[in-house]
């Protein structure tokens, strides 16, 4: 096993930090999961960054949707999954900061919130 001197380790750590800082945020995007089960979205509130992907996975026995709404509960054009069958999934990439409320149009009492925040 080769052991590097402390100075070499510090230089490598500094280089790694510099390279990480140079990578655009979009290249560091994450994928988040929202599970649909028991007639609910879990988690009911999720914070993501622009560029992150949210995947809804239907682990329930019936079809569901994930549809963005305004504060009054009316569907918006931000996203609409269409029907997600049991065992199916659907994904959306967050684009702009802000709060996104959403619901299942088949079961409107199922509601949740996404917060899209800059890092």
Protein backbone atom coordinates (compact mmCIF):
# COMPACT_ATOMS: atom_id res chain seq x y z
CA UNK A 1 0.00 0.00 0.00
CA UNK A 2 1.31 3.45 -0.92
CA UNK A 3 0.96 6.24 1.63
CA UNK A 4 0.98 9.79 0.29
CA UNK A 5 2.61 12.62 2.25
CA UNK A 6 0.19 15.02 3.96
CA UNK A 7 1.03 17.85 1.54
CA UNK A 8 0.09 15.66 -1.44
CA UNK A 9 -3.20 14.68 0.23
CA UNK A 10 -4.04 18.33 0.85
CA UNK A 11 -3.27 19.26 -2.77
CA UNK A 12 -5.51 16.43 -4.01
CA UNK A 13 -8.32 17.49 -1.67
CA UNK A 14 -8.03 21.09 -2.89
CA UNK A 15 -8.12 19.96 -6.51
CA UNK A 16 -11.20 17.83 -5.85
CA UNK A 17 -12.97 20.79 -4.20
CA UNK A 18 -12.08 23.05 -7.14
CA UNK A 19 -13.36 20.55 -9.69
CA UNK A 20 -16.59 20.09 -7.75
CA UNK A 21 -17.12 23.87 -7.69
CA UNK A 22 -16.60 24.06 -11.45
CA UNK A 23 -19.23 21.43 -12.23
CA UNK A 24 -22.54 23.18 -13.03
CA UNK A 25 -25.43 22.57 -10.62
CA UNK A 26 -27.40 20.89 -13.41
CA UNK A 27 -24.69 18.24 -13.62
CA UNK A 28 -25.16 17.54 -9.92
CA UNK A 29 -28.91 17.03 -10.20
CA UNK A 30 -30.49 14.47 -7.92
CA UNK A 31 -33.41 12.09 -8.32
CA UNK A 32 -36.11 12.08 -5.63
CA UNK A 33 -38.84 9.48 -5.09
CA UNK A 34 -42.46 10.11 -4.16
CA UNK A 35 -44.34 6.92 -3.34
CA UNK A 36 -48.08 6.68 -3.81
CA UNK A 37 -49.54 4.22 -1.33
CA UNK A 38 -52.52 4.07 0.98
CA UNK A 39 -54.22 6.83 -1.03
CA UNK A 40 -51.46 9.33 -0.16
CA UNK A 41 -48.26 10.84 -1.55
CA UNK A 42 -45.18 10.11 0.58
CA UNK A 43 -43.51 12.35 1.39
CA UNK A 44 -46.35 14.89 1.37
CA UNK A 45 -43.79 17.70 1.22
CA UNK A 46 -40.50 17.52 -0.66
CA UNK A 47 -37.79 20.12 -1.32
CA UNK A 48 -35.77 19.83 -4.55
CA UNK A 49 -33.45 22.03 -6.63
CA UNK A 50 -33.92 23.19 -10.22
CA UNK A 51 -32.63 20.39 -12.44
CA UNK A 52 -33.57 17.65 -9.98
CA UNK A 53 -35.91 14.89 -11.12
CA UNK A 54 -38.92 13.76 -9.13
CA UNK A 55 -40.20 10.22 -9.78
CA UNK A 56 -43.68 9.26 -8.61
CA UNK A 57 -44.03 5.49 -8.04
CA UNK A 58 -47.52 4.07 -7.68
CA UNK A 59 -47.36 1.37 -5.00
CA UNK A 60 -51.13 1.53 -4.48
CA UNK A 61 -53.83 -0.83 -5.73
CA UNK A 62 -55.55 1.77 -7.94
CA UNK A 63 -54.44 4.27 -10.61
CA UNK A 64 -53.45 7.81 -9.61
CA UNK A 65 -52.17 11.04 -11.15
CA UNK A 66 -49.76 13.78 -10.07
CA UNK A 67 -51.09 17.09 -11.38
CA UNK A 68 -49.76 20.55 -10.51
CA UNK A 69 -52.40 22.97 -9.23
CA UNK A 70 -52.77 26.62 -8.35
CA UNK A 71 -53.62 27.64 -4.80
CA UNK A 72 -57.32 27.10 -5.54
CA UNK A 73 -56.77 23.50 -6.64
CA UNK A 74 -57.20 24.11 -10.38
CA UNK A 75 -54.80 22.17 -12.63
CA UNK A 76 -51.95 24.20 -14.14
CA UNK A 77 -49.66 23.52 -17.08
CA UNK A 78 -46.59 23.00 -14.86
CA UNK A 79 -46.97 19.22 -14.92
CA UNK A 80 -49.60 16.53 -15.34
CA UNK A 81 -48.64 12.89 -15.21
CA UNK A 82 -51.69 11.37 -16.80
CA UNK A 83 -52.75 8.08 -15.25
CA UNK A 84 -50.03 6.24 -13.31
CA UNK A 85 -51.14 2.63 -13.15
CA UNK A 86 -50.43 0.43 -10.10
CA UNK A 87 -46.75 -0.55 -10.26
CA UNK A 88 -46.06 2.28 -12.72
CA UNK A 89 -44.08 5.48 -12.41
CA UNK A 90 -43.78 8.94 -13.94
CA UNK A 91 -41.05 11.58 -13.68
CA UNK A 92 -40.72 15.35 -13.95
CA UNK A 93 -37.64 17.60 -13.93
CA UNK A 94 -37.93 20.68 -11.71
CA UNK A 95 -37.14 23.78 -13.72
CA UNK A 96 -37.86 26.99 -11.82
CA UNK A 97 -37.79 27.89 -8.13
CA UNK A 98 -41.11 28.14 -6.33
CA UNK A 99 -43.83 26.20 -4.57
CA UNK A 100 -45.72 23.59 -6.56
CA UNK A 101 -48.88 22.17 -5.04
CA UNK A 102 -50.21 19.03 -6.69
CA UNK A 103 -52.95 16.48 -6.33
CA UNK A 104 -54.35 13.29 -7.78
CA UNK A 105 -57.15 14.27 -10.17
CA UNK A 106 -58.75 10.84 -9.67
CA UNK A 107 -58.76 11.29 -5.87
CA UNK A 108 -58.66 15.08 -5.21
CA UNK A 109 -58.26 14.66 -1.46
CA UNK A 110 -54.72 13.36 -2.16
CA UNK A 111 -52.56 16.50 -2.04
CA UNK A 112 -48.87 17.25 -1.65
CA UNK A 113 -46.32 20.02 -2.15
CA UNK A 114 -42.96 20.41 -3.89
CA UNK A 115 -40.64 23.26 -2.96
CA UNK A 116 -38.12 24.02 -5.71
CA UNK A 117 -35.27 26.04 -4.20
CA UNK A 118 -31.94 27.26 -5.48
CA UNK A 119 -28.98 25.53 -3.79
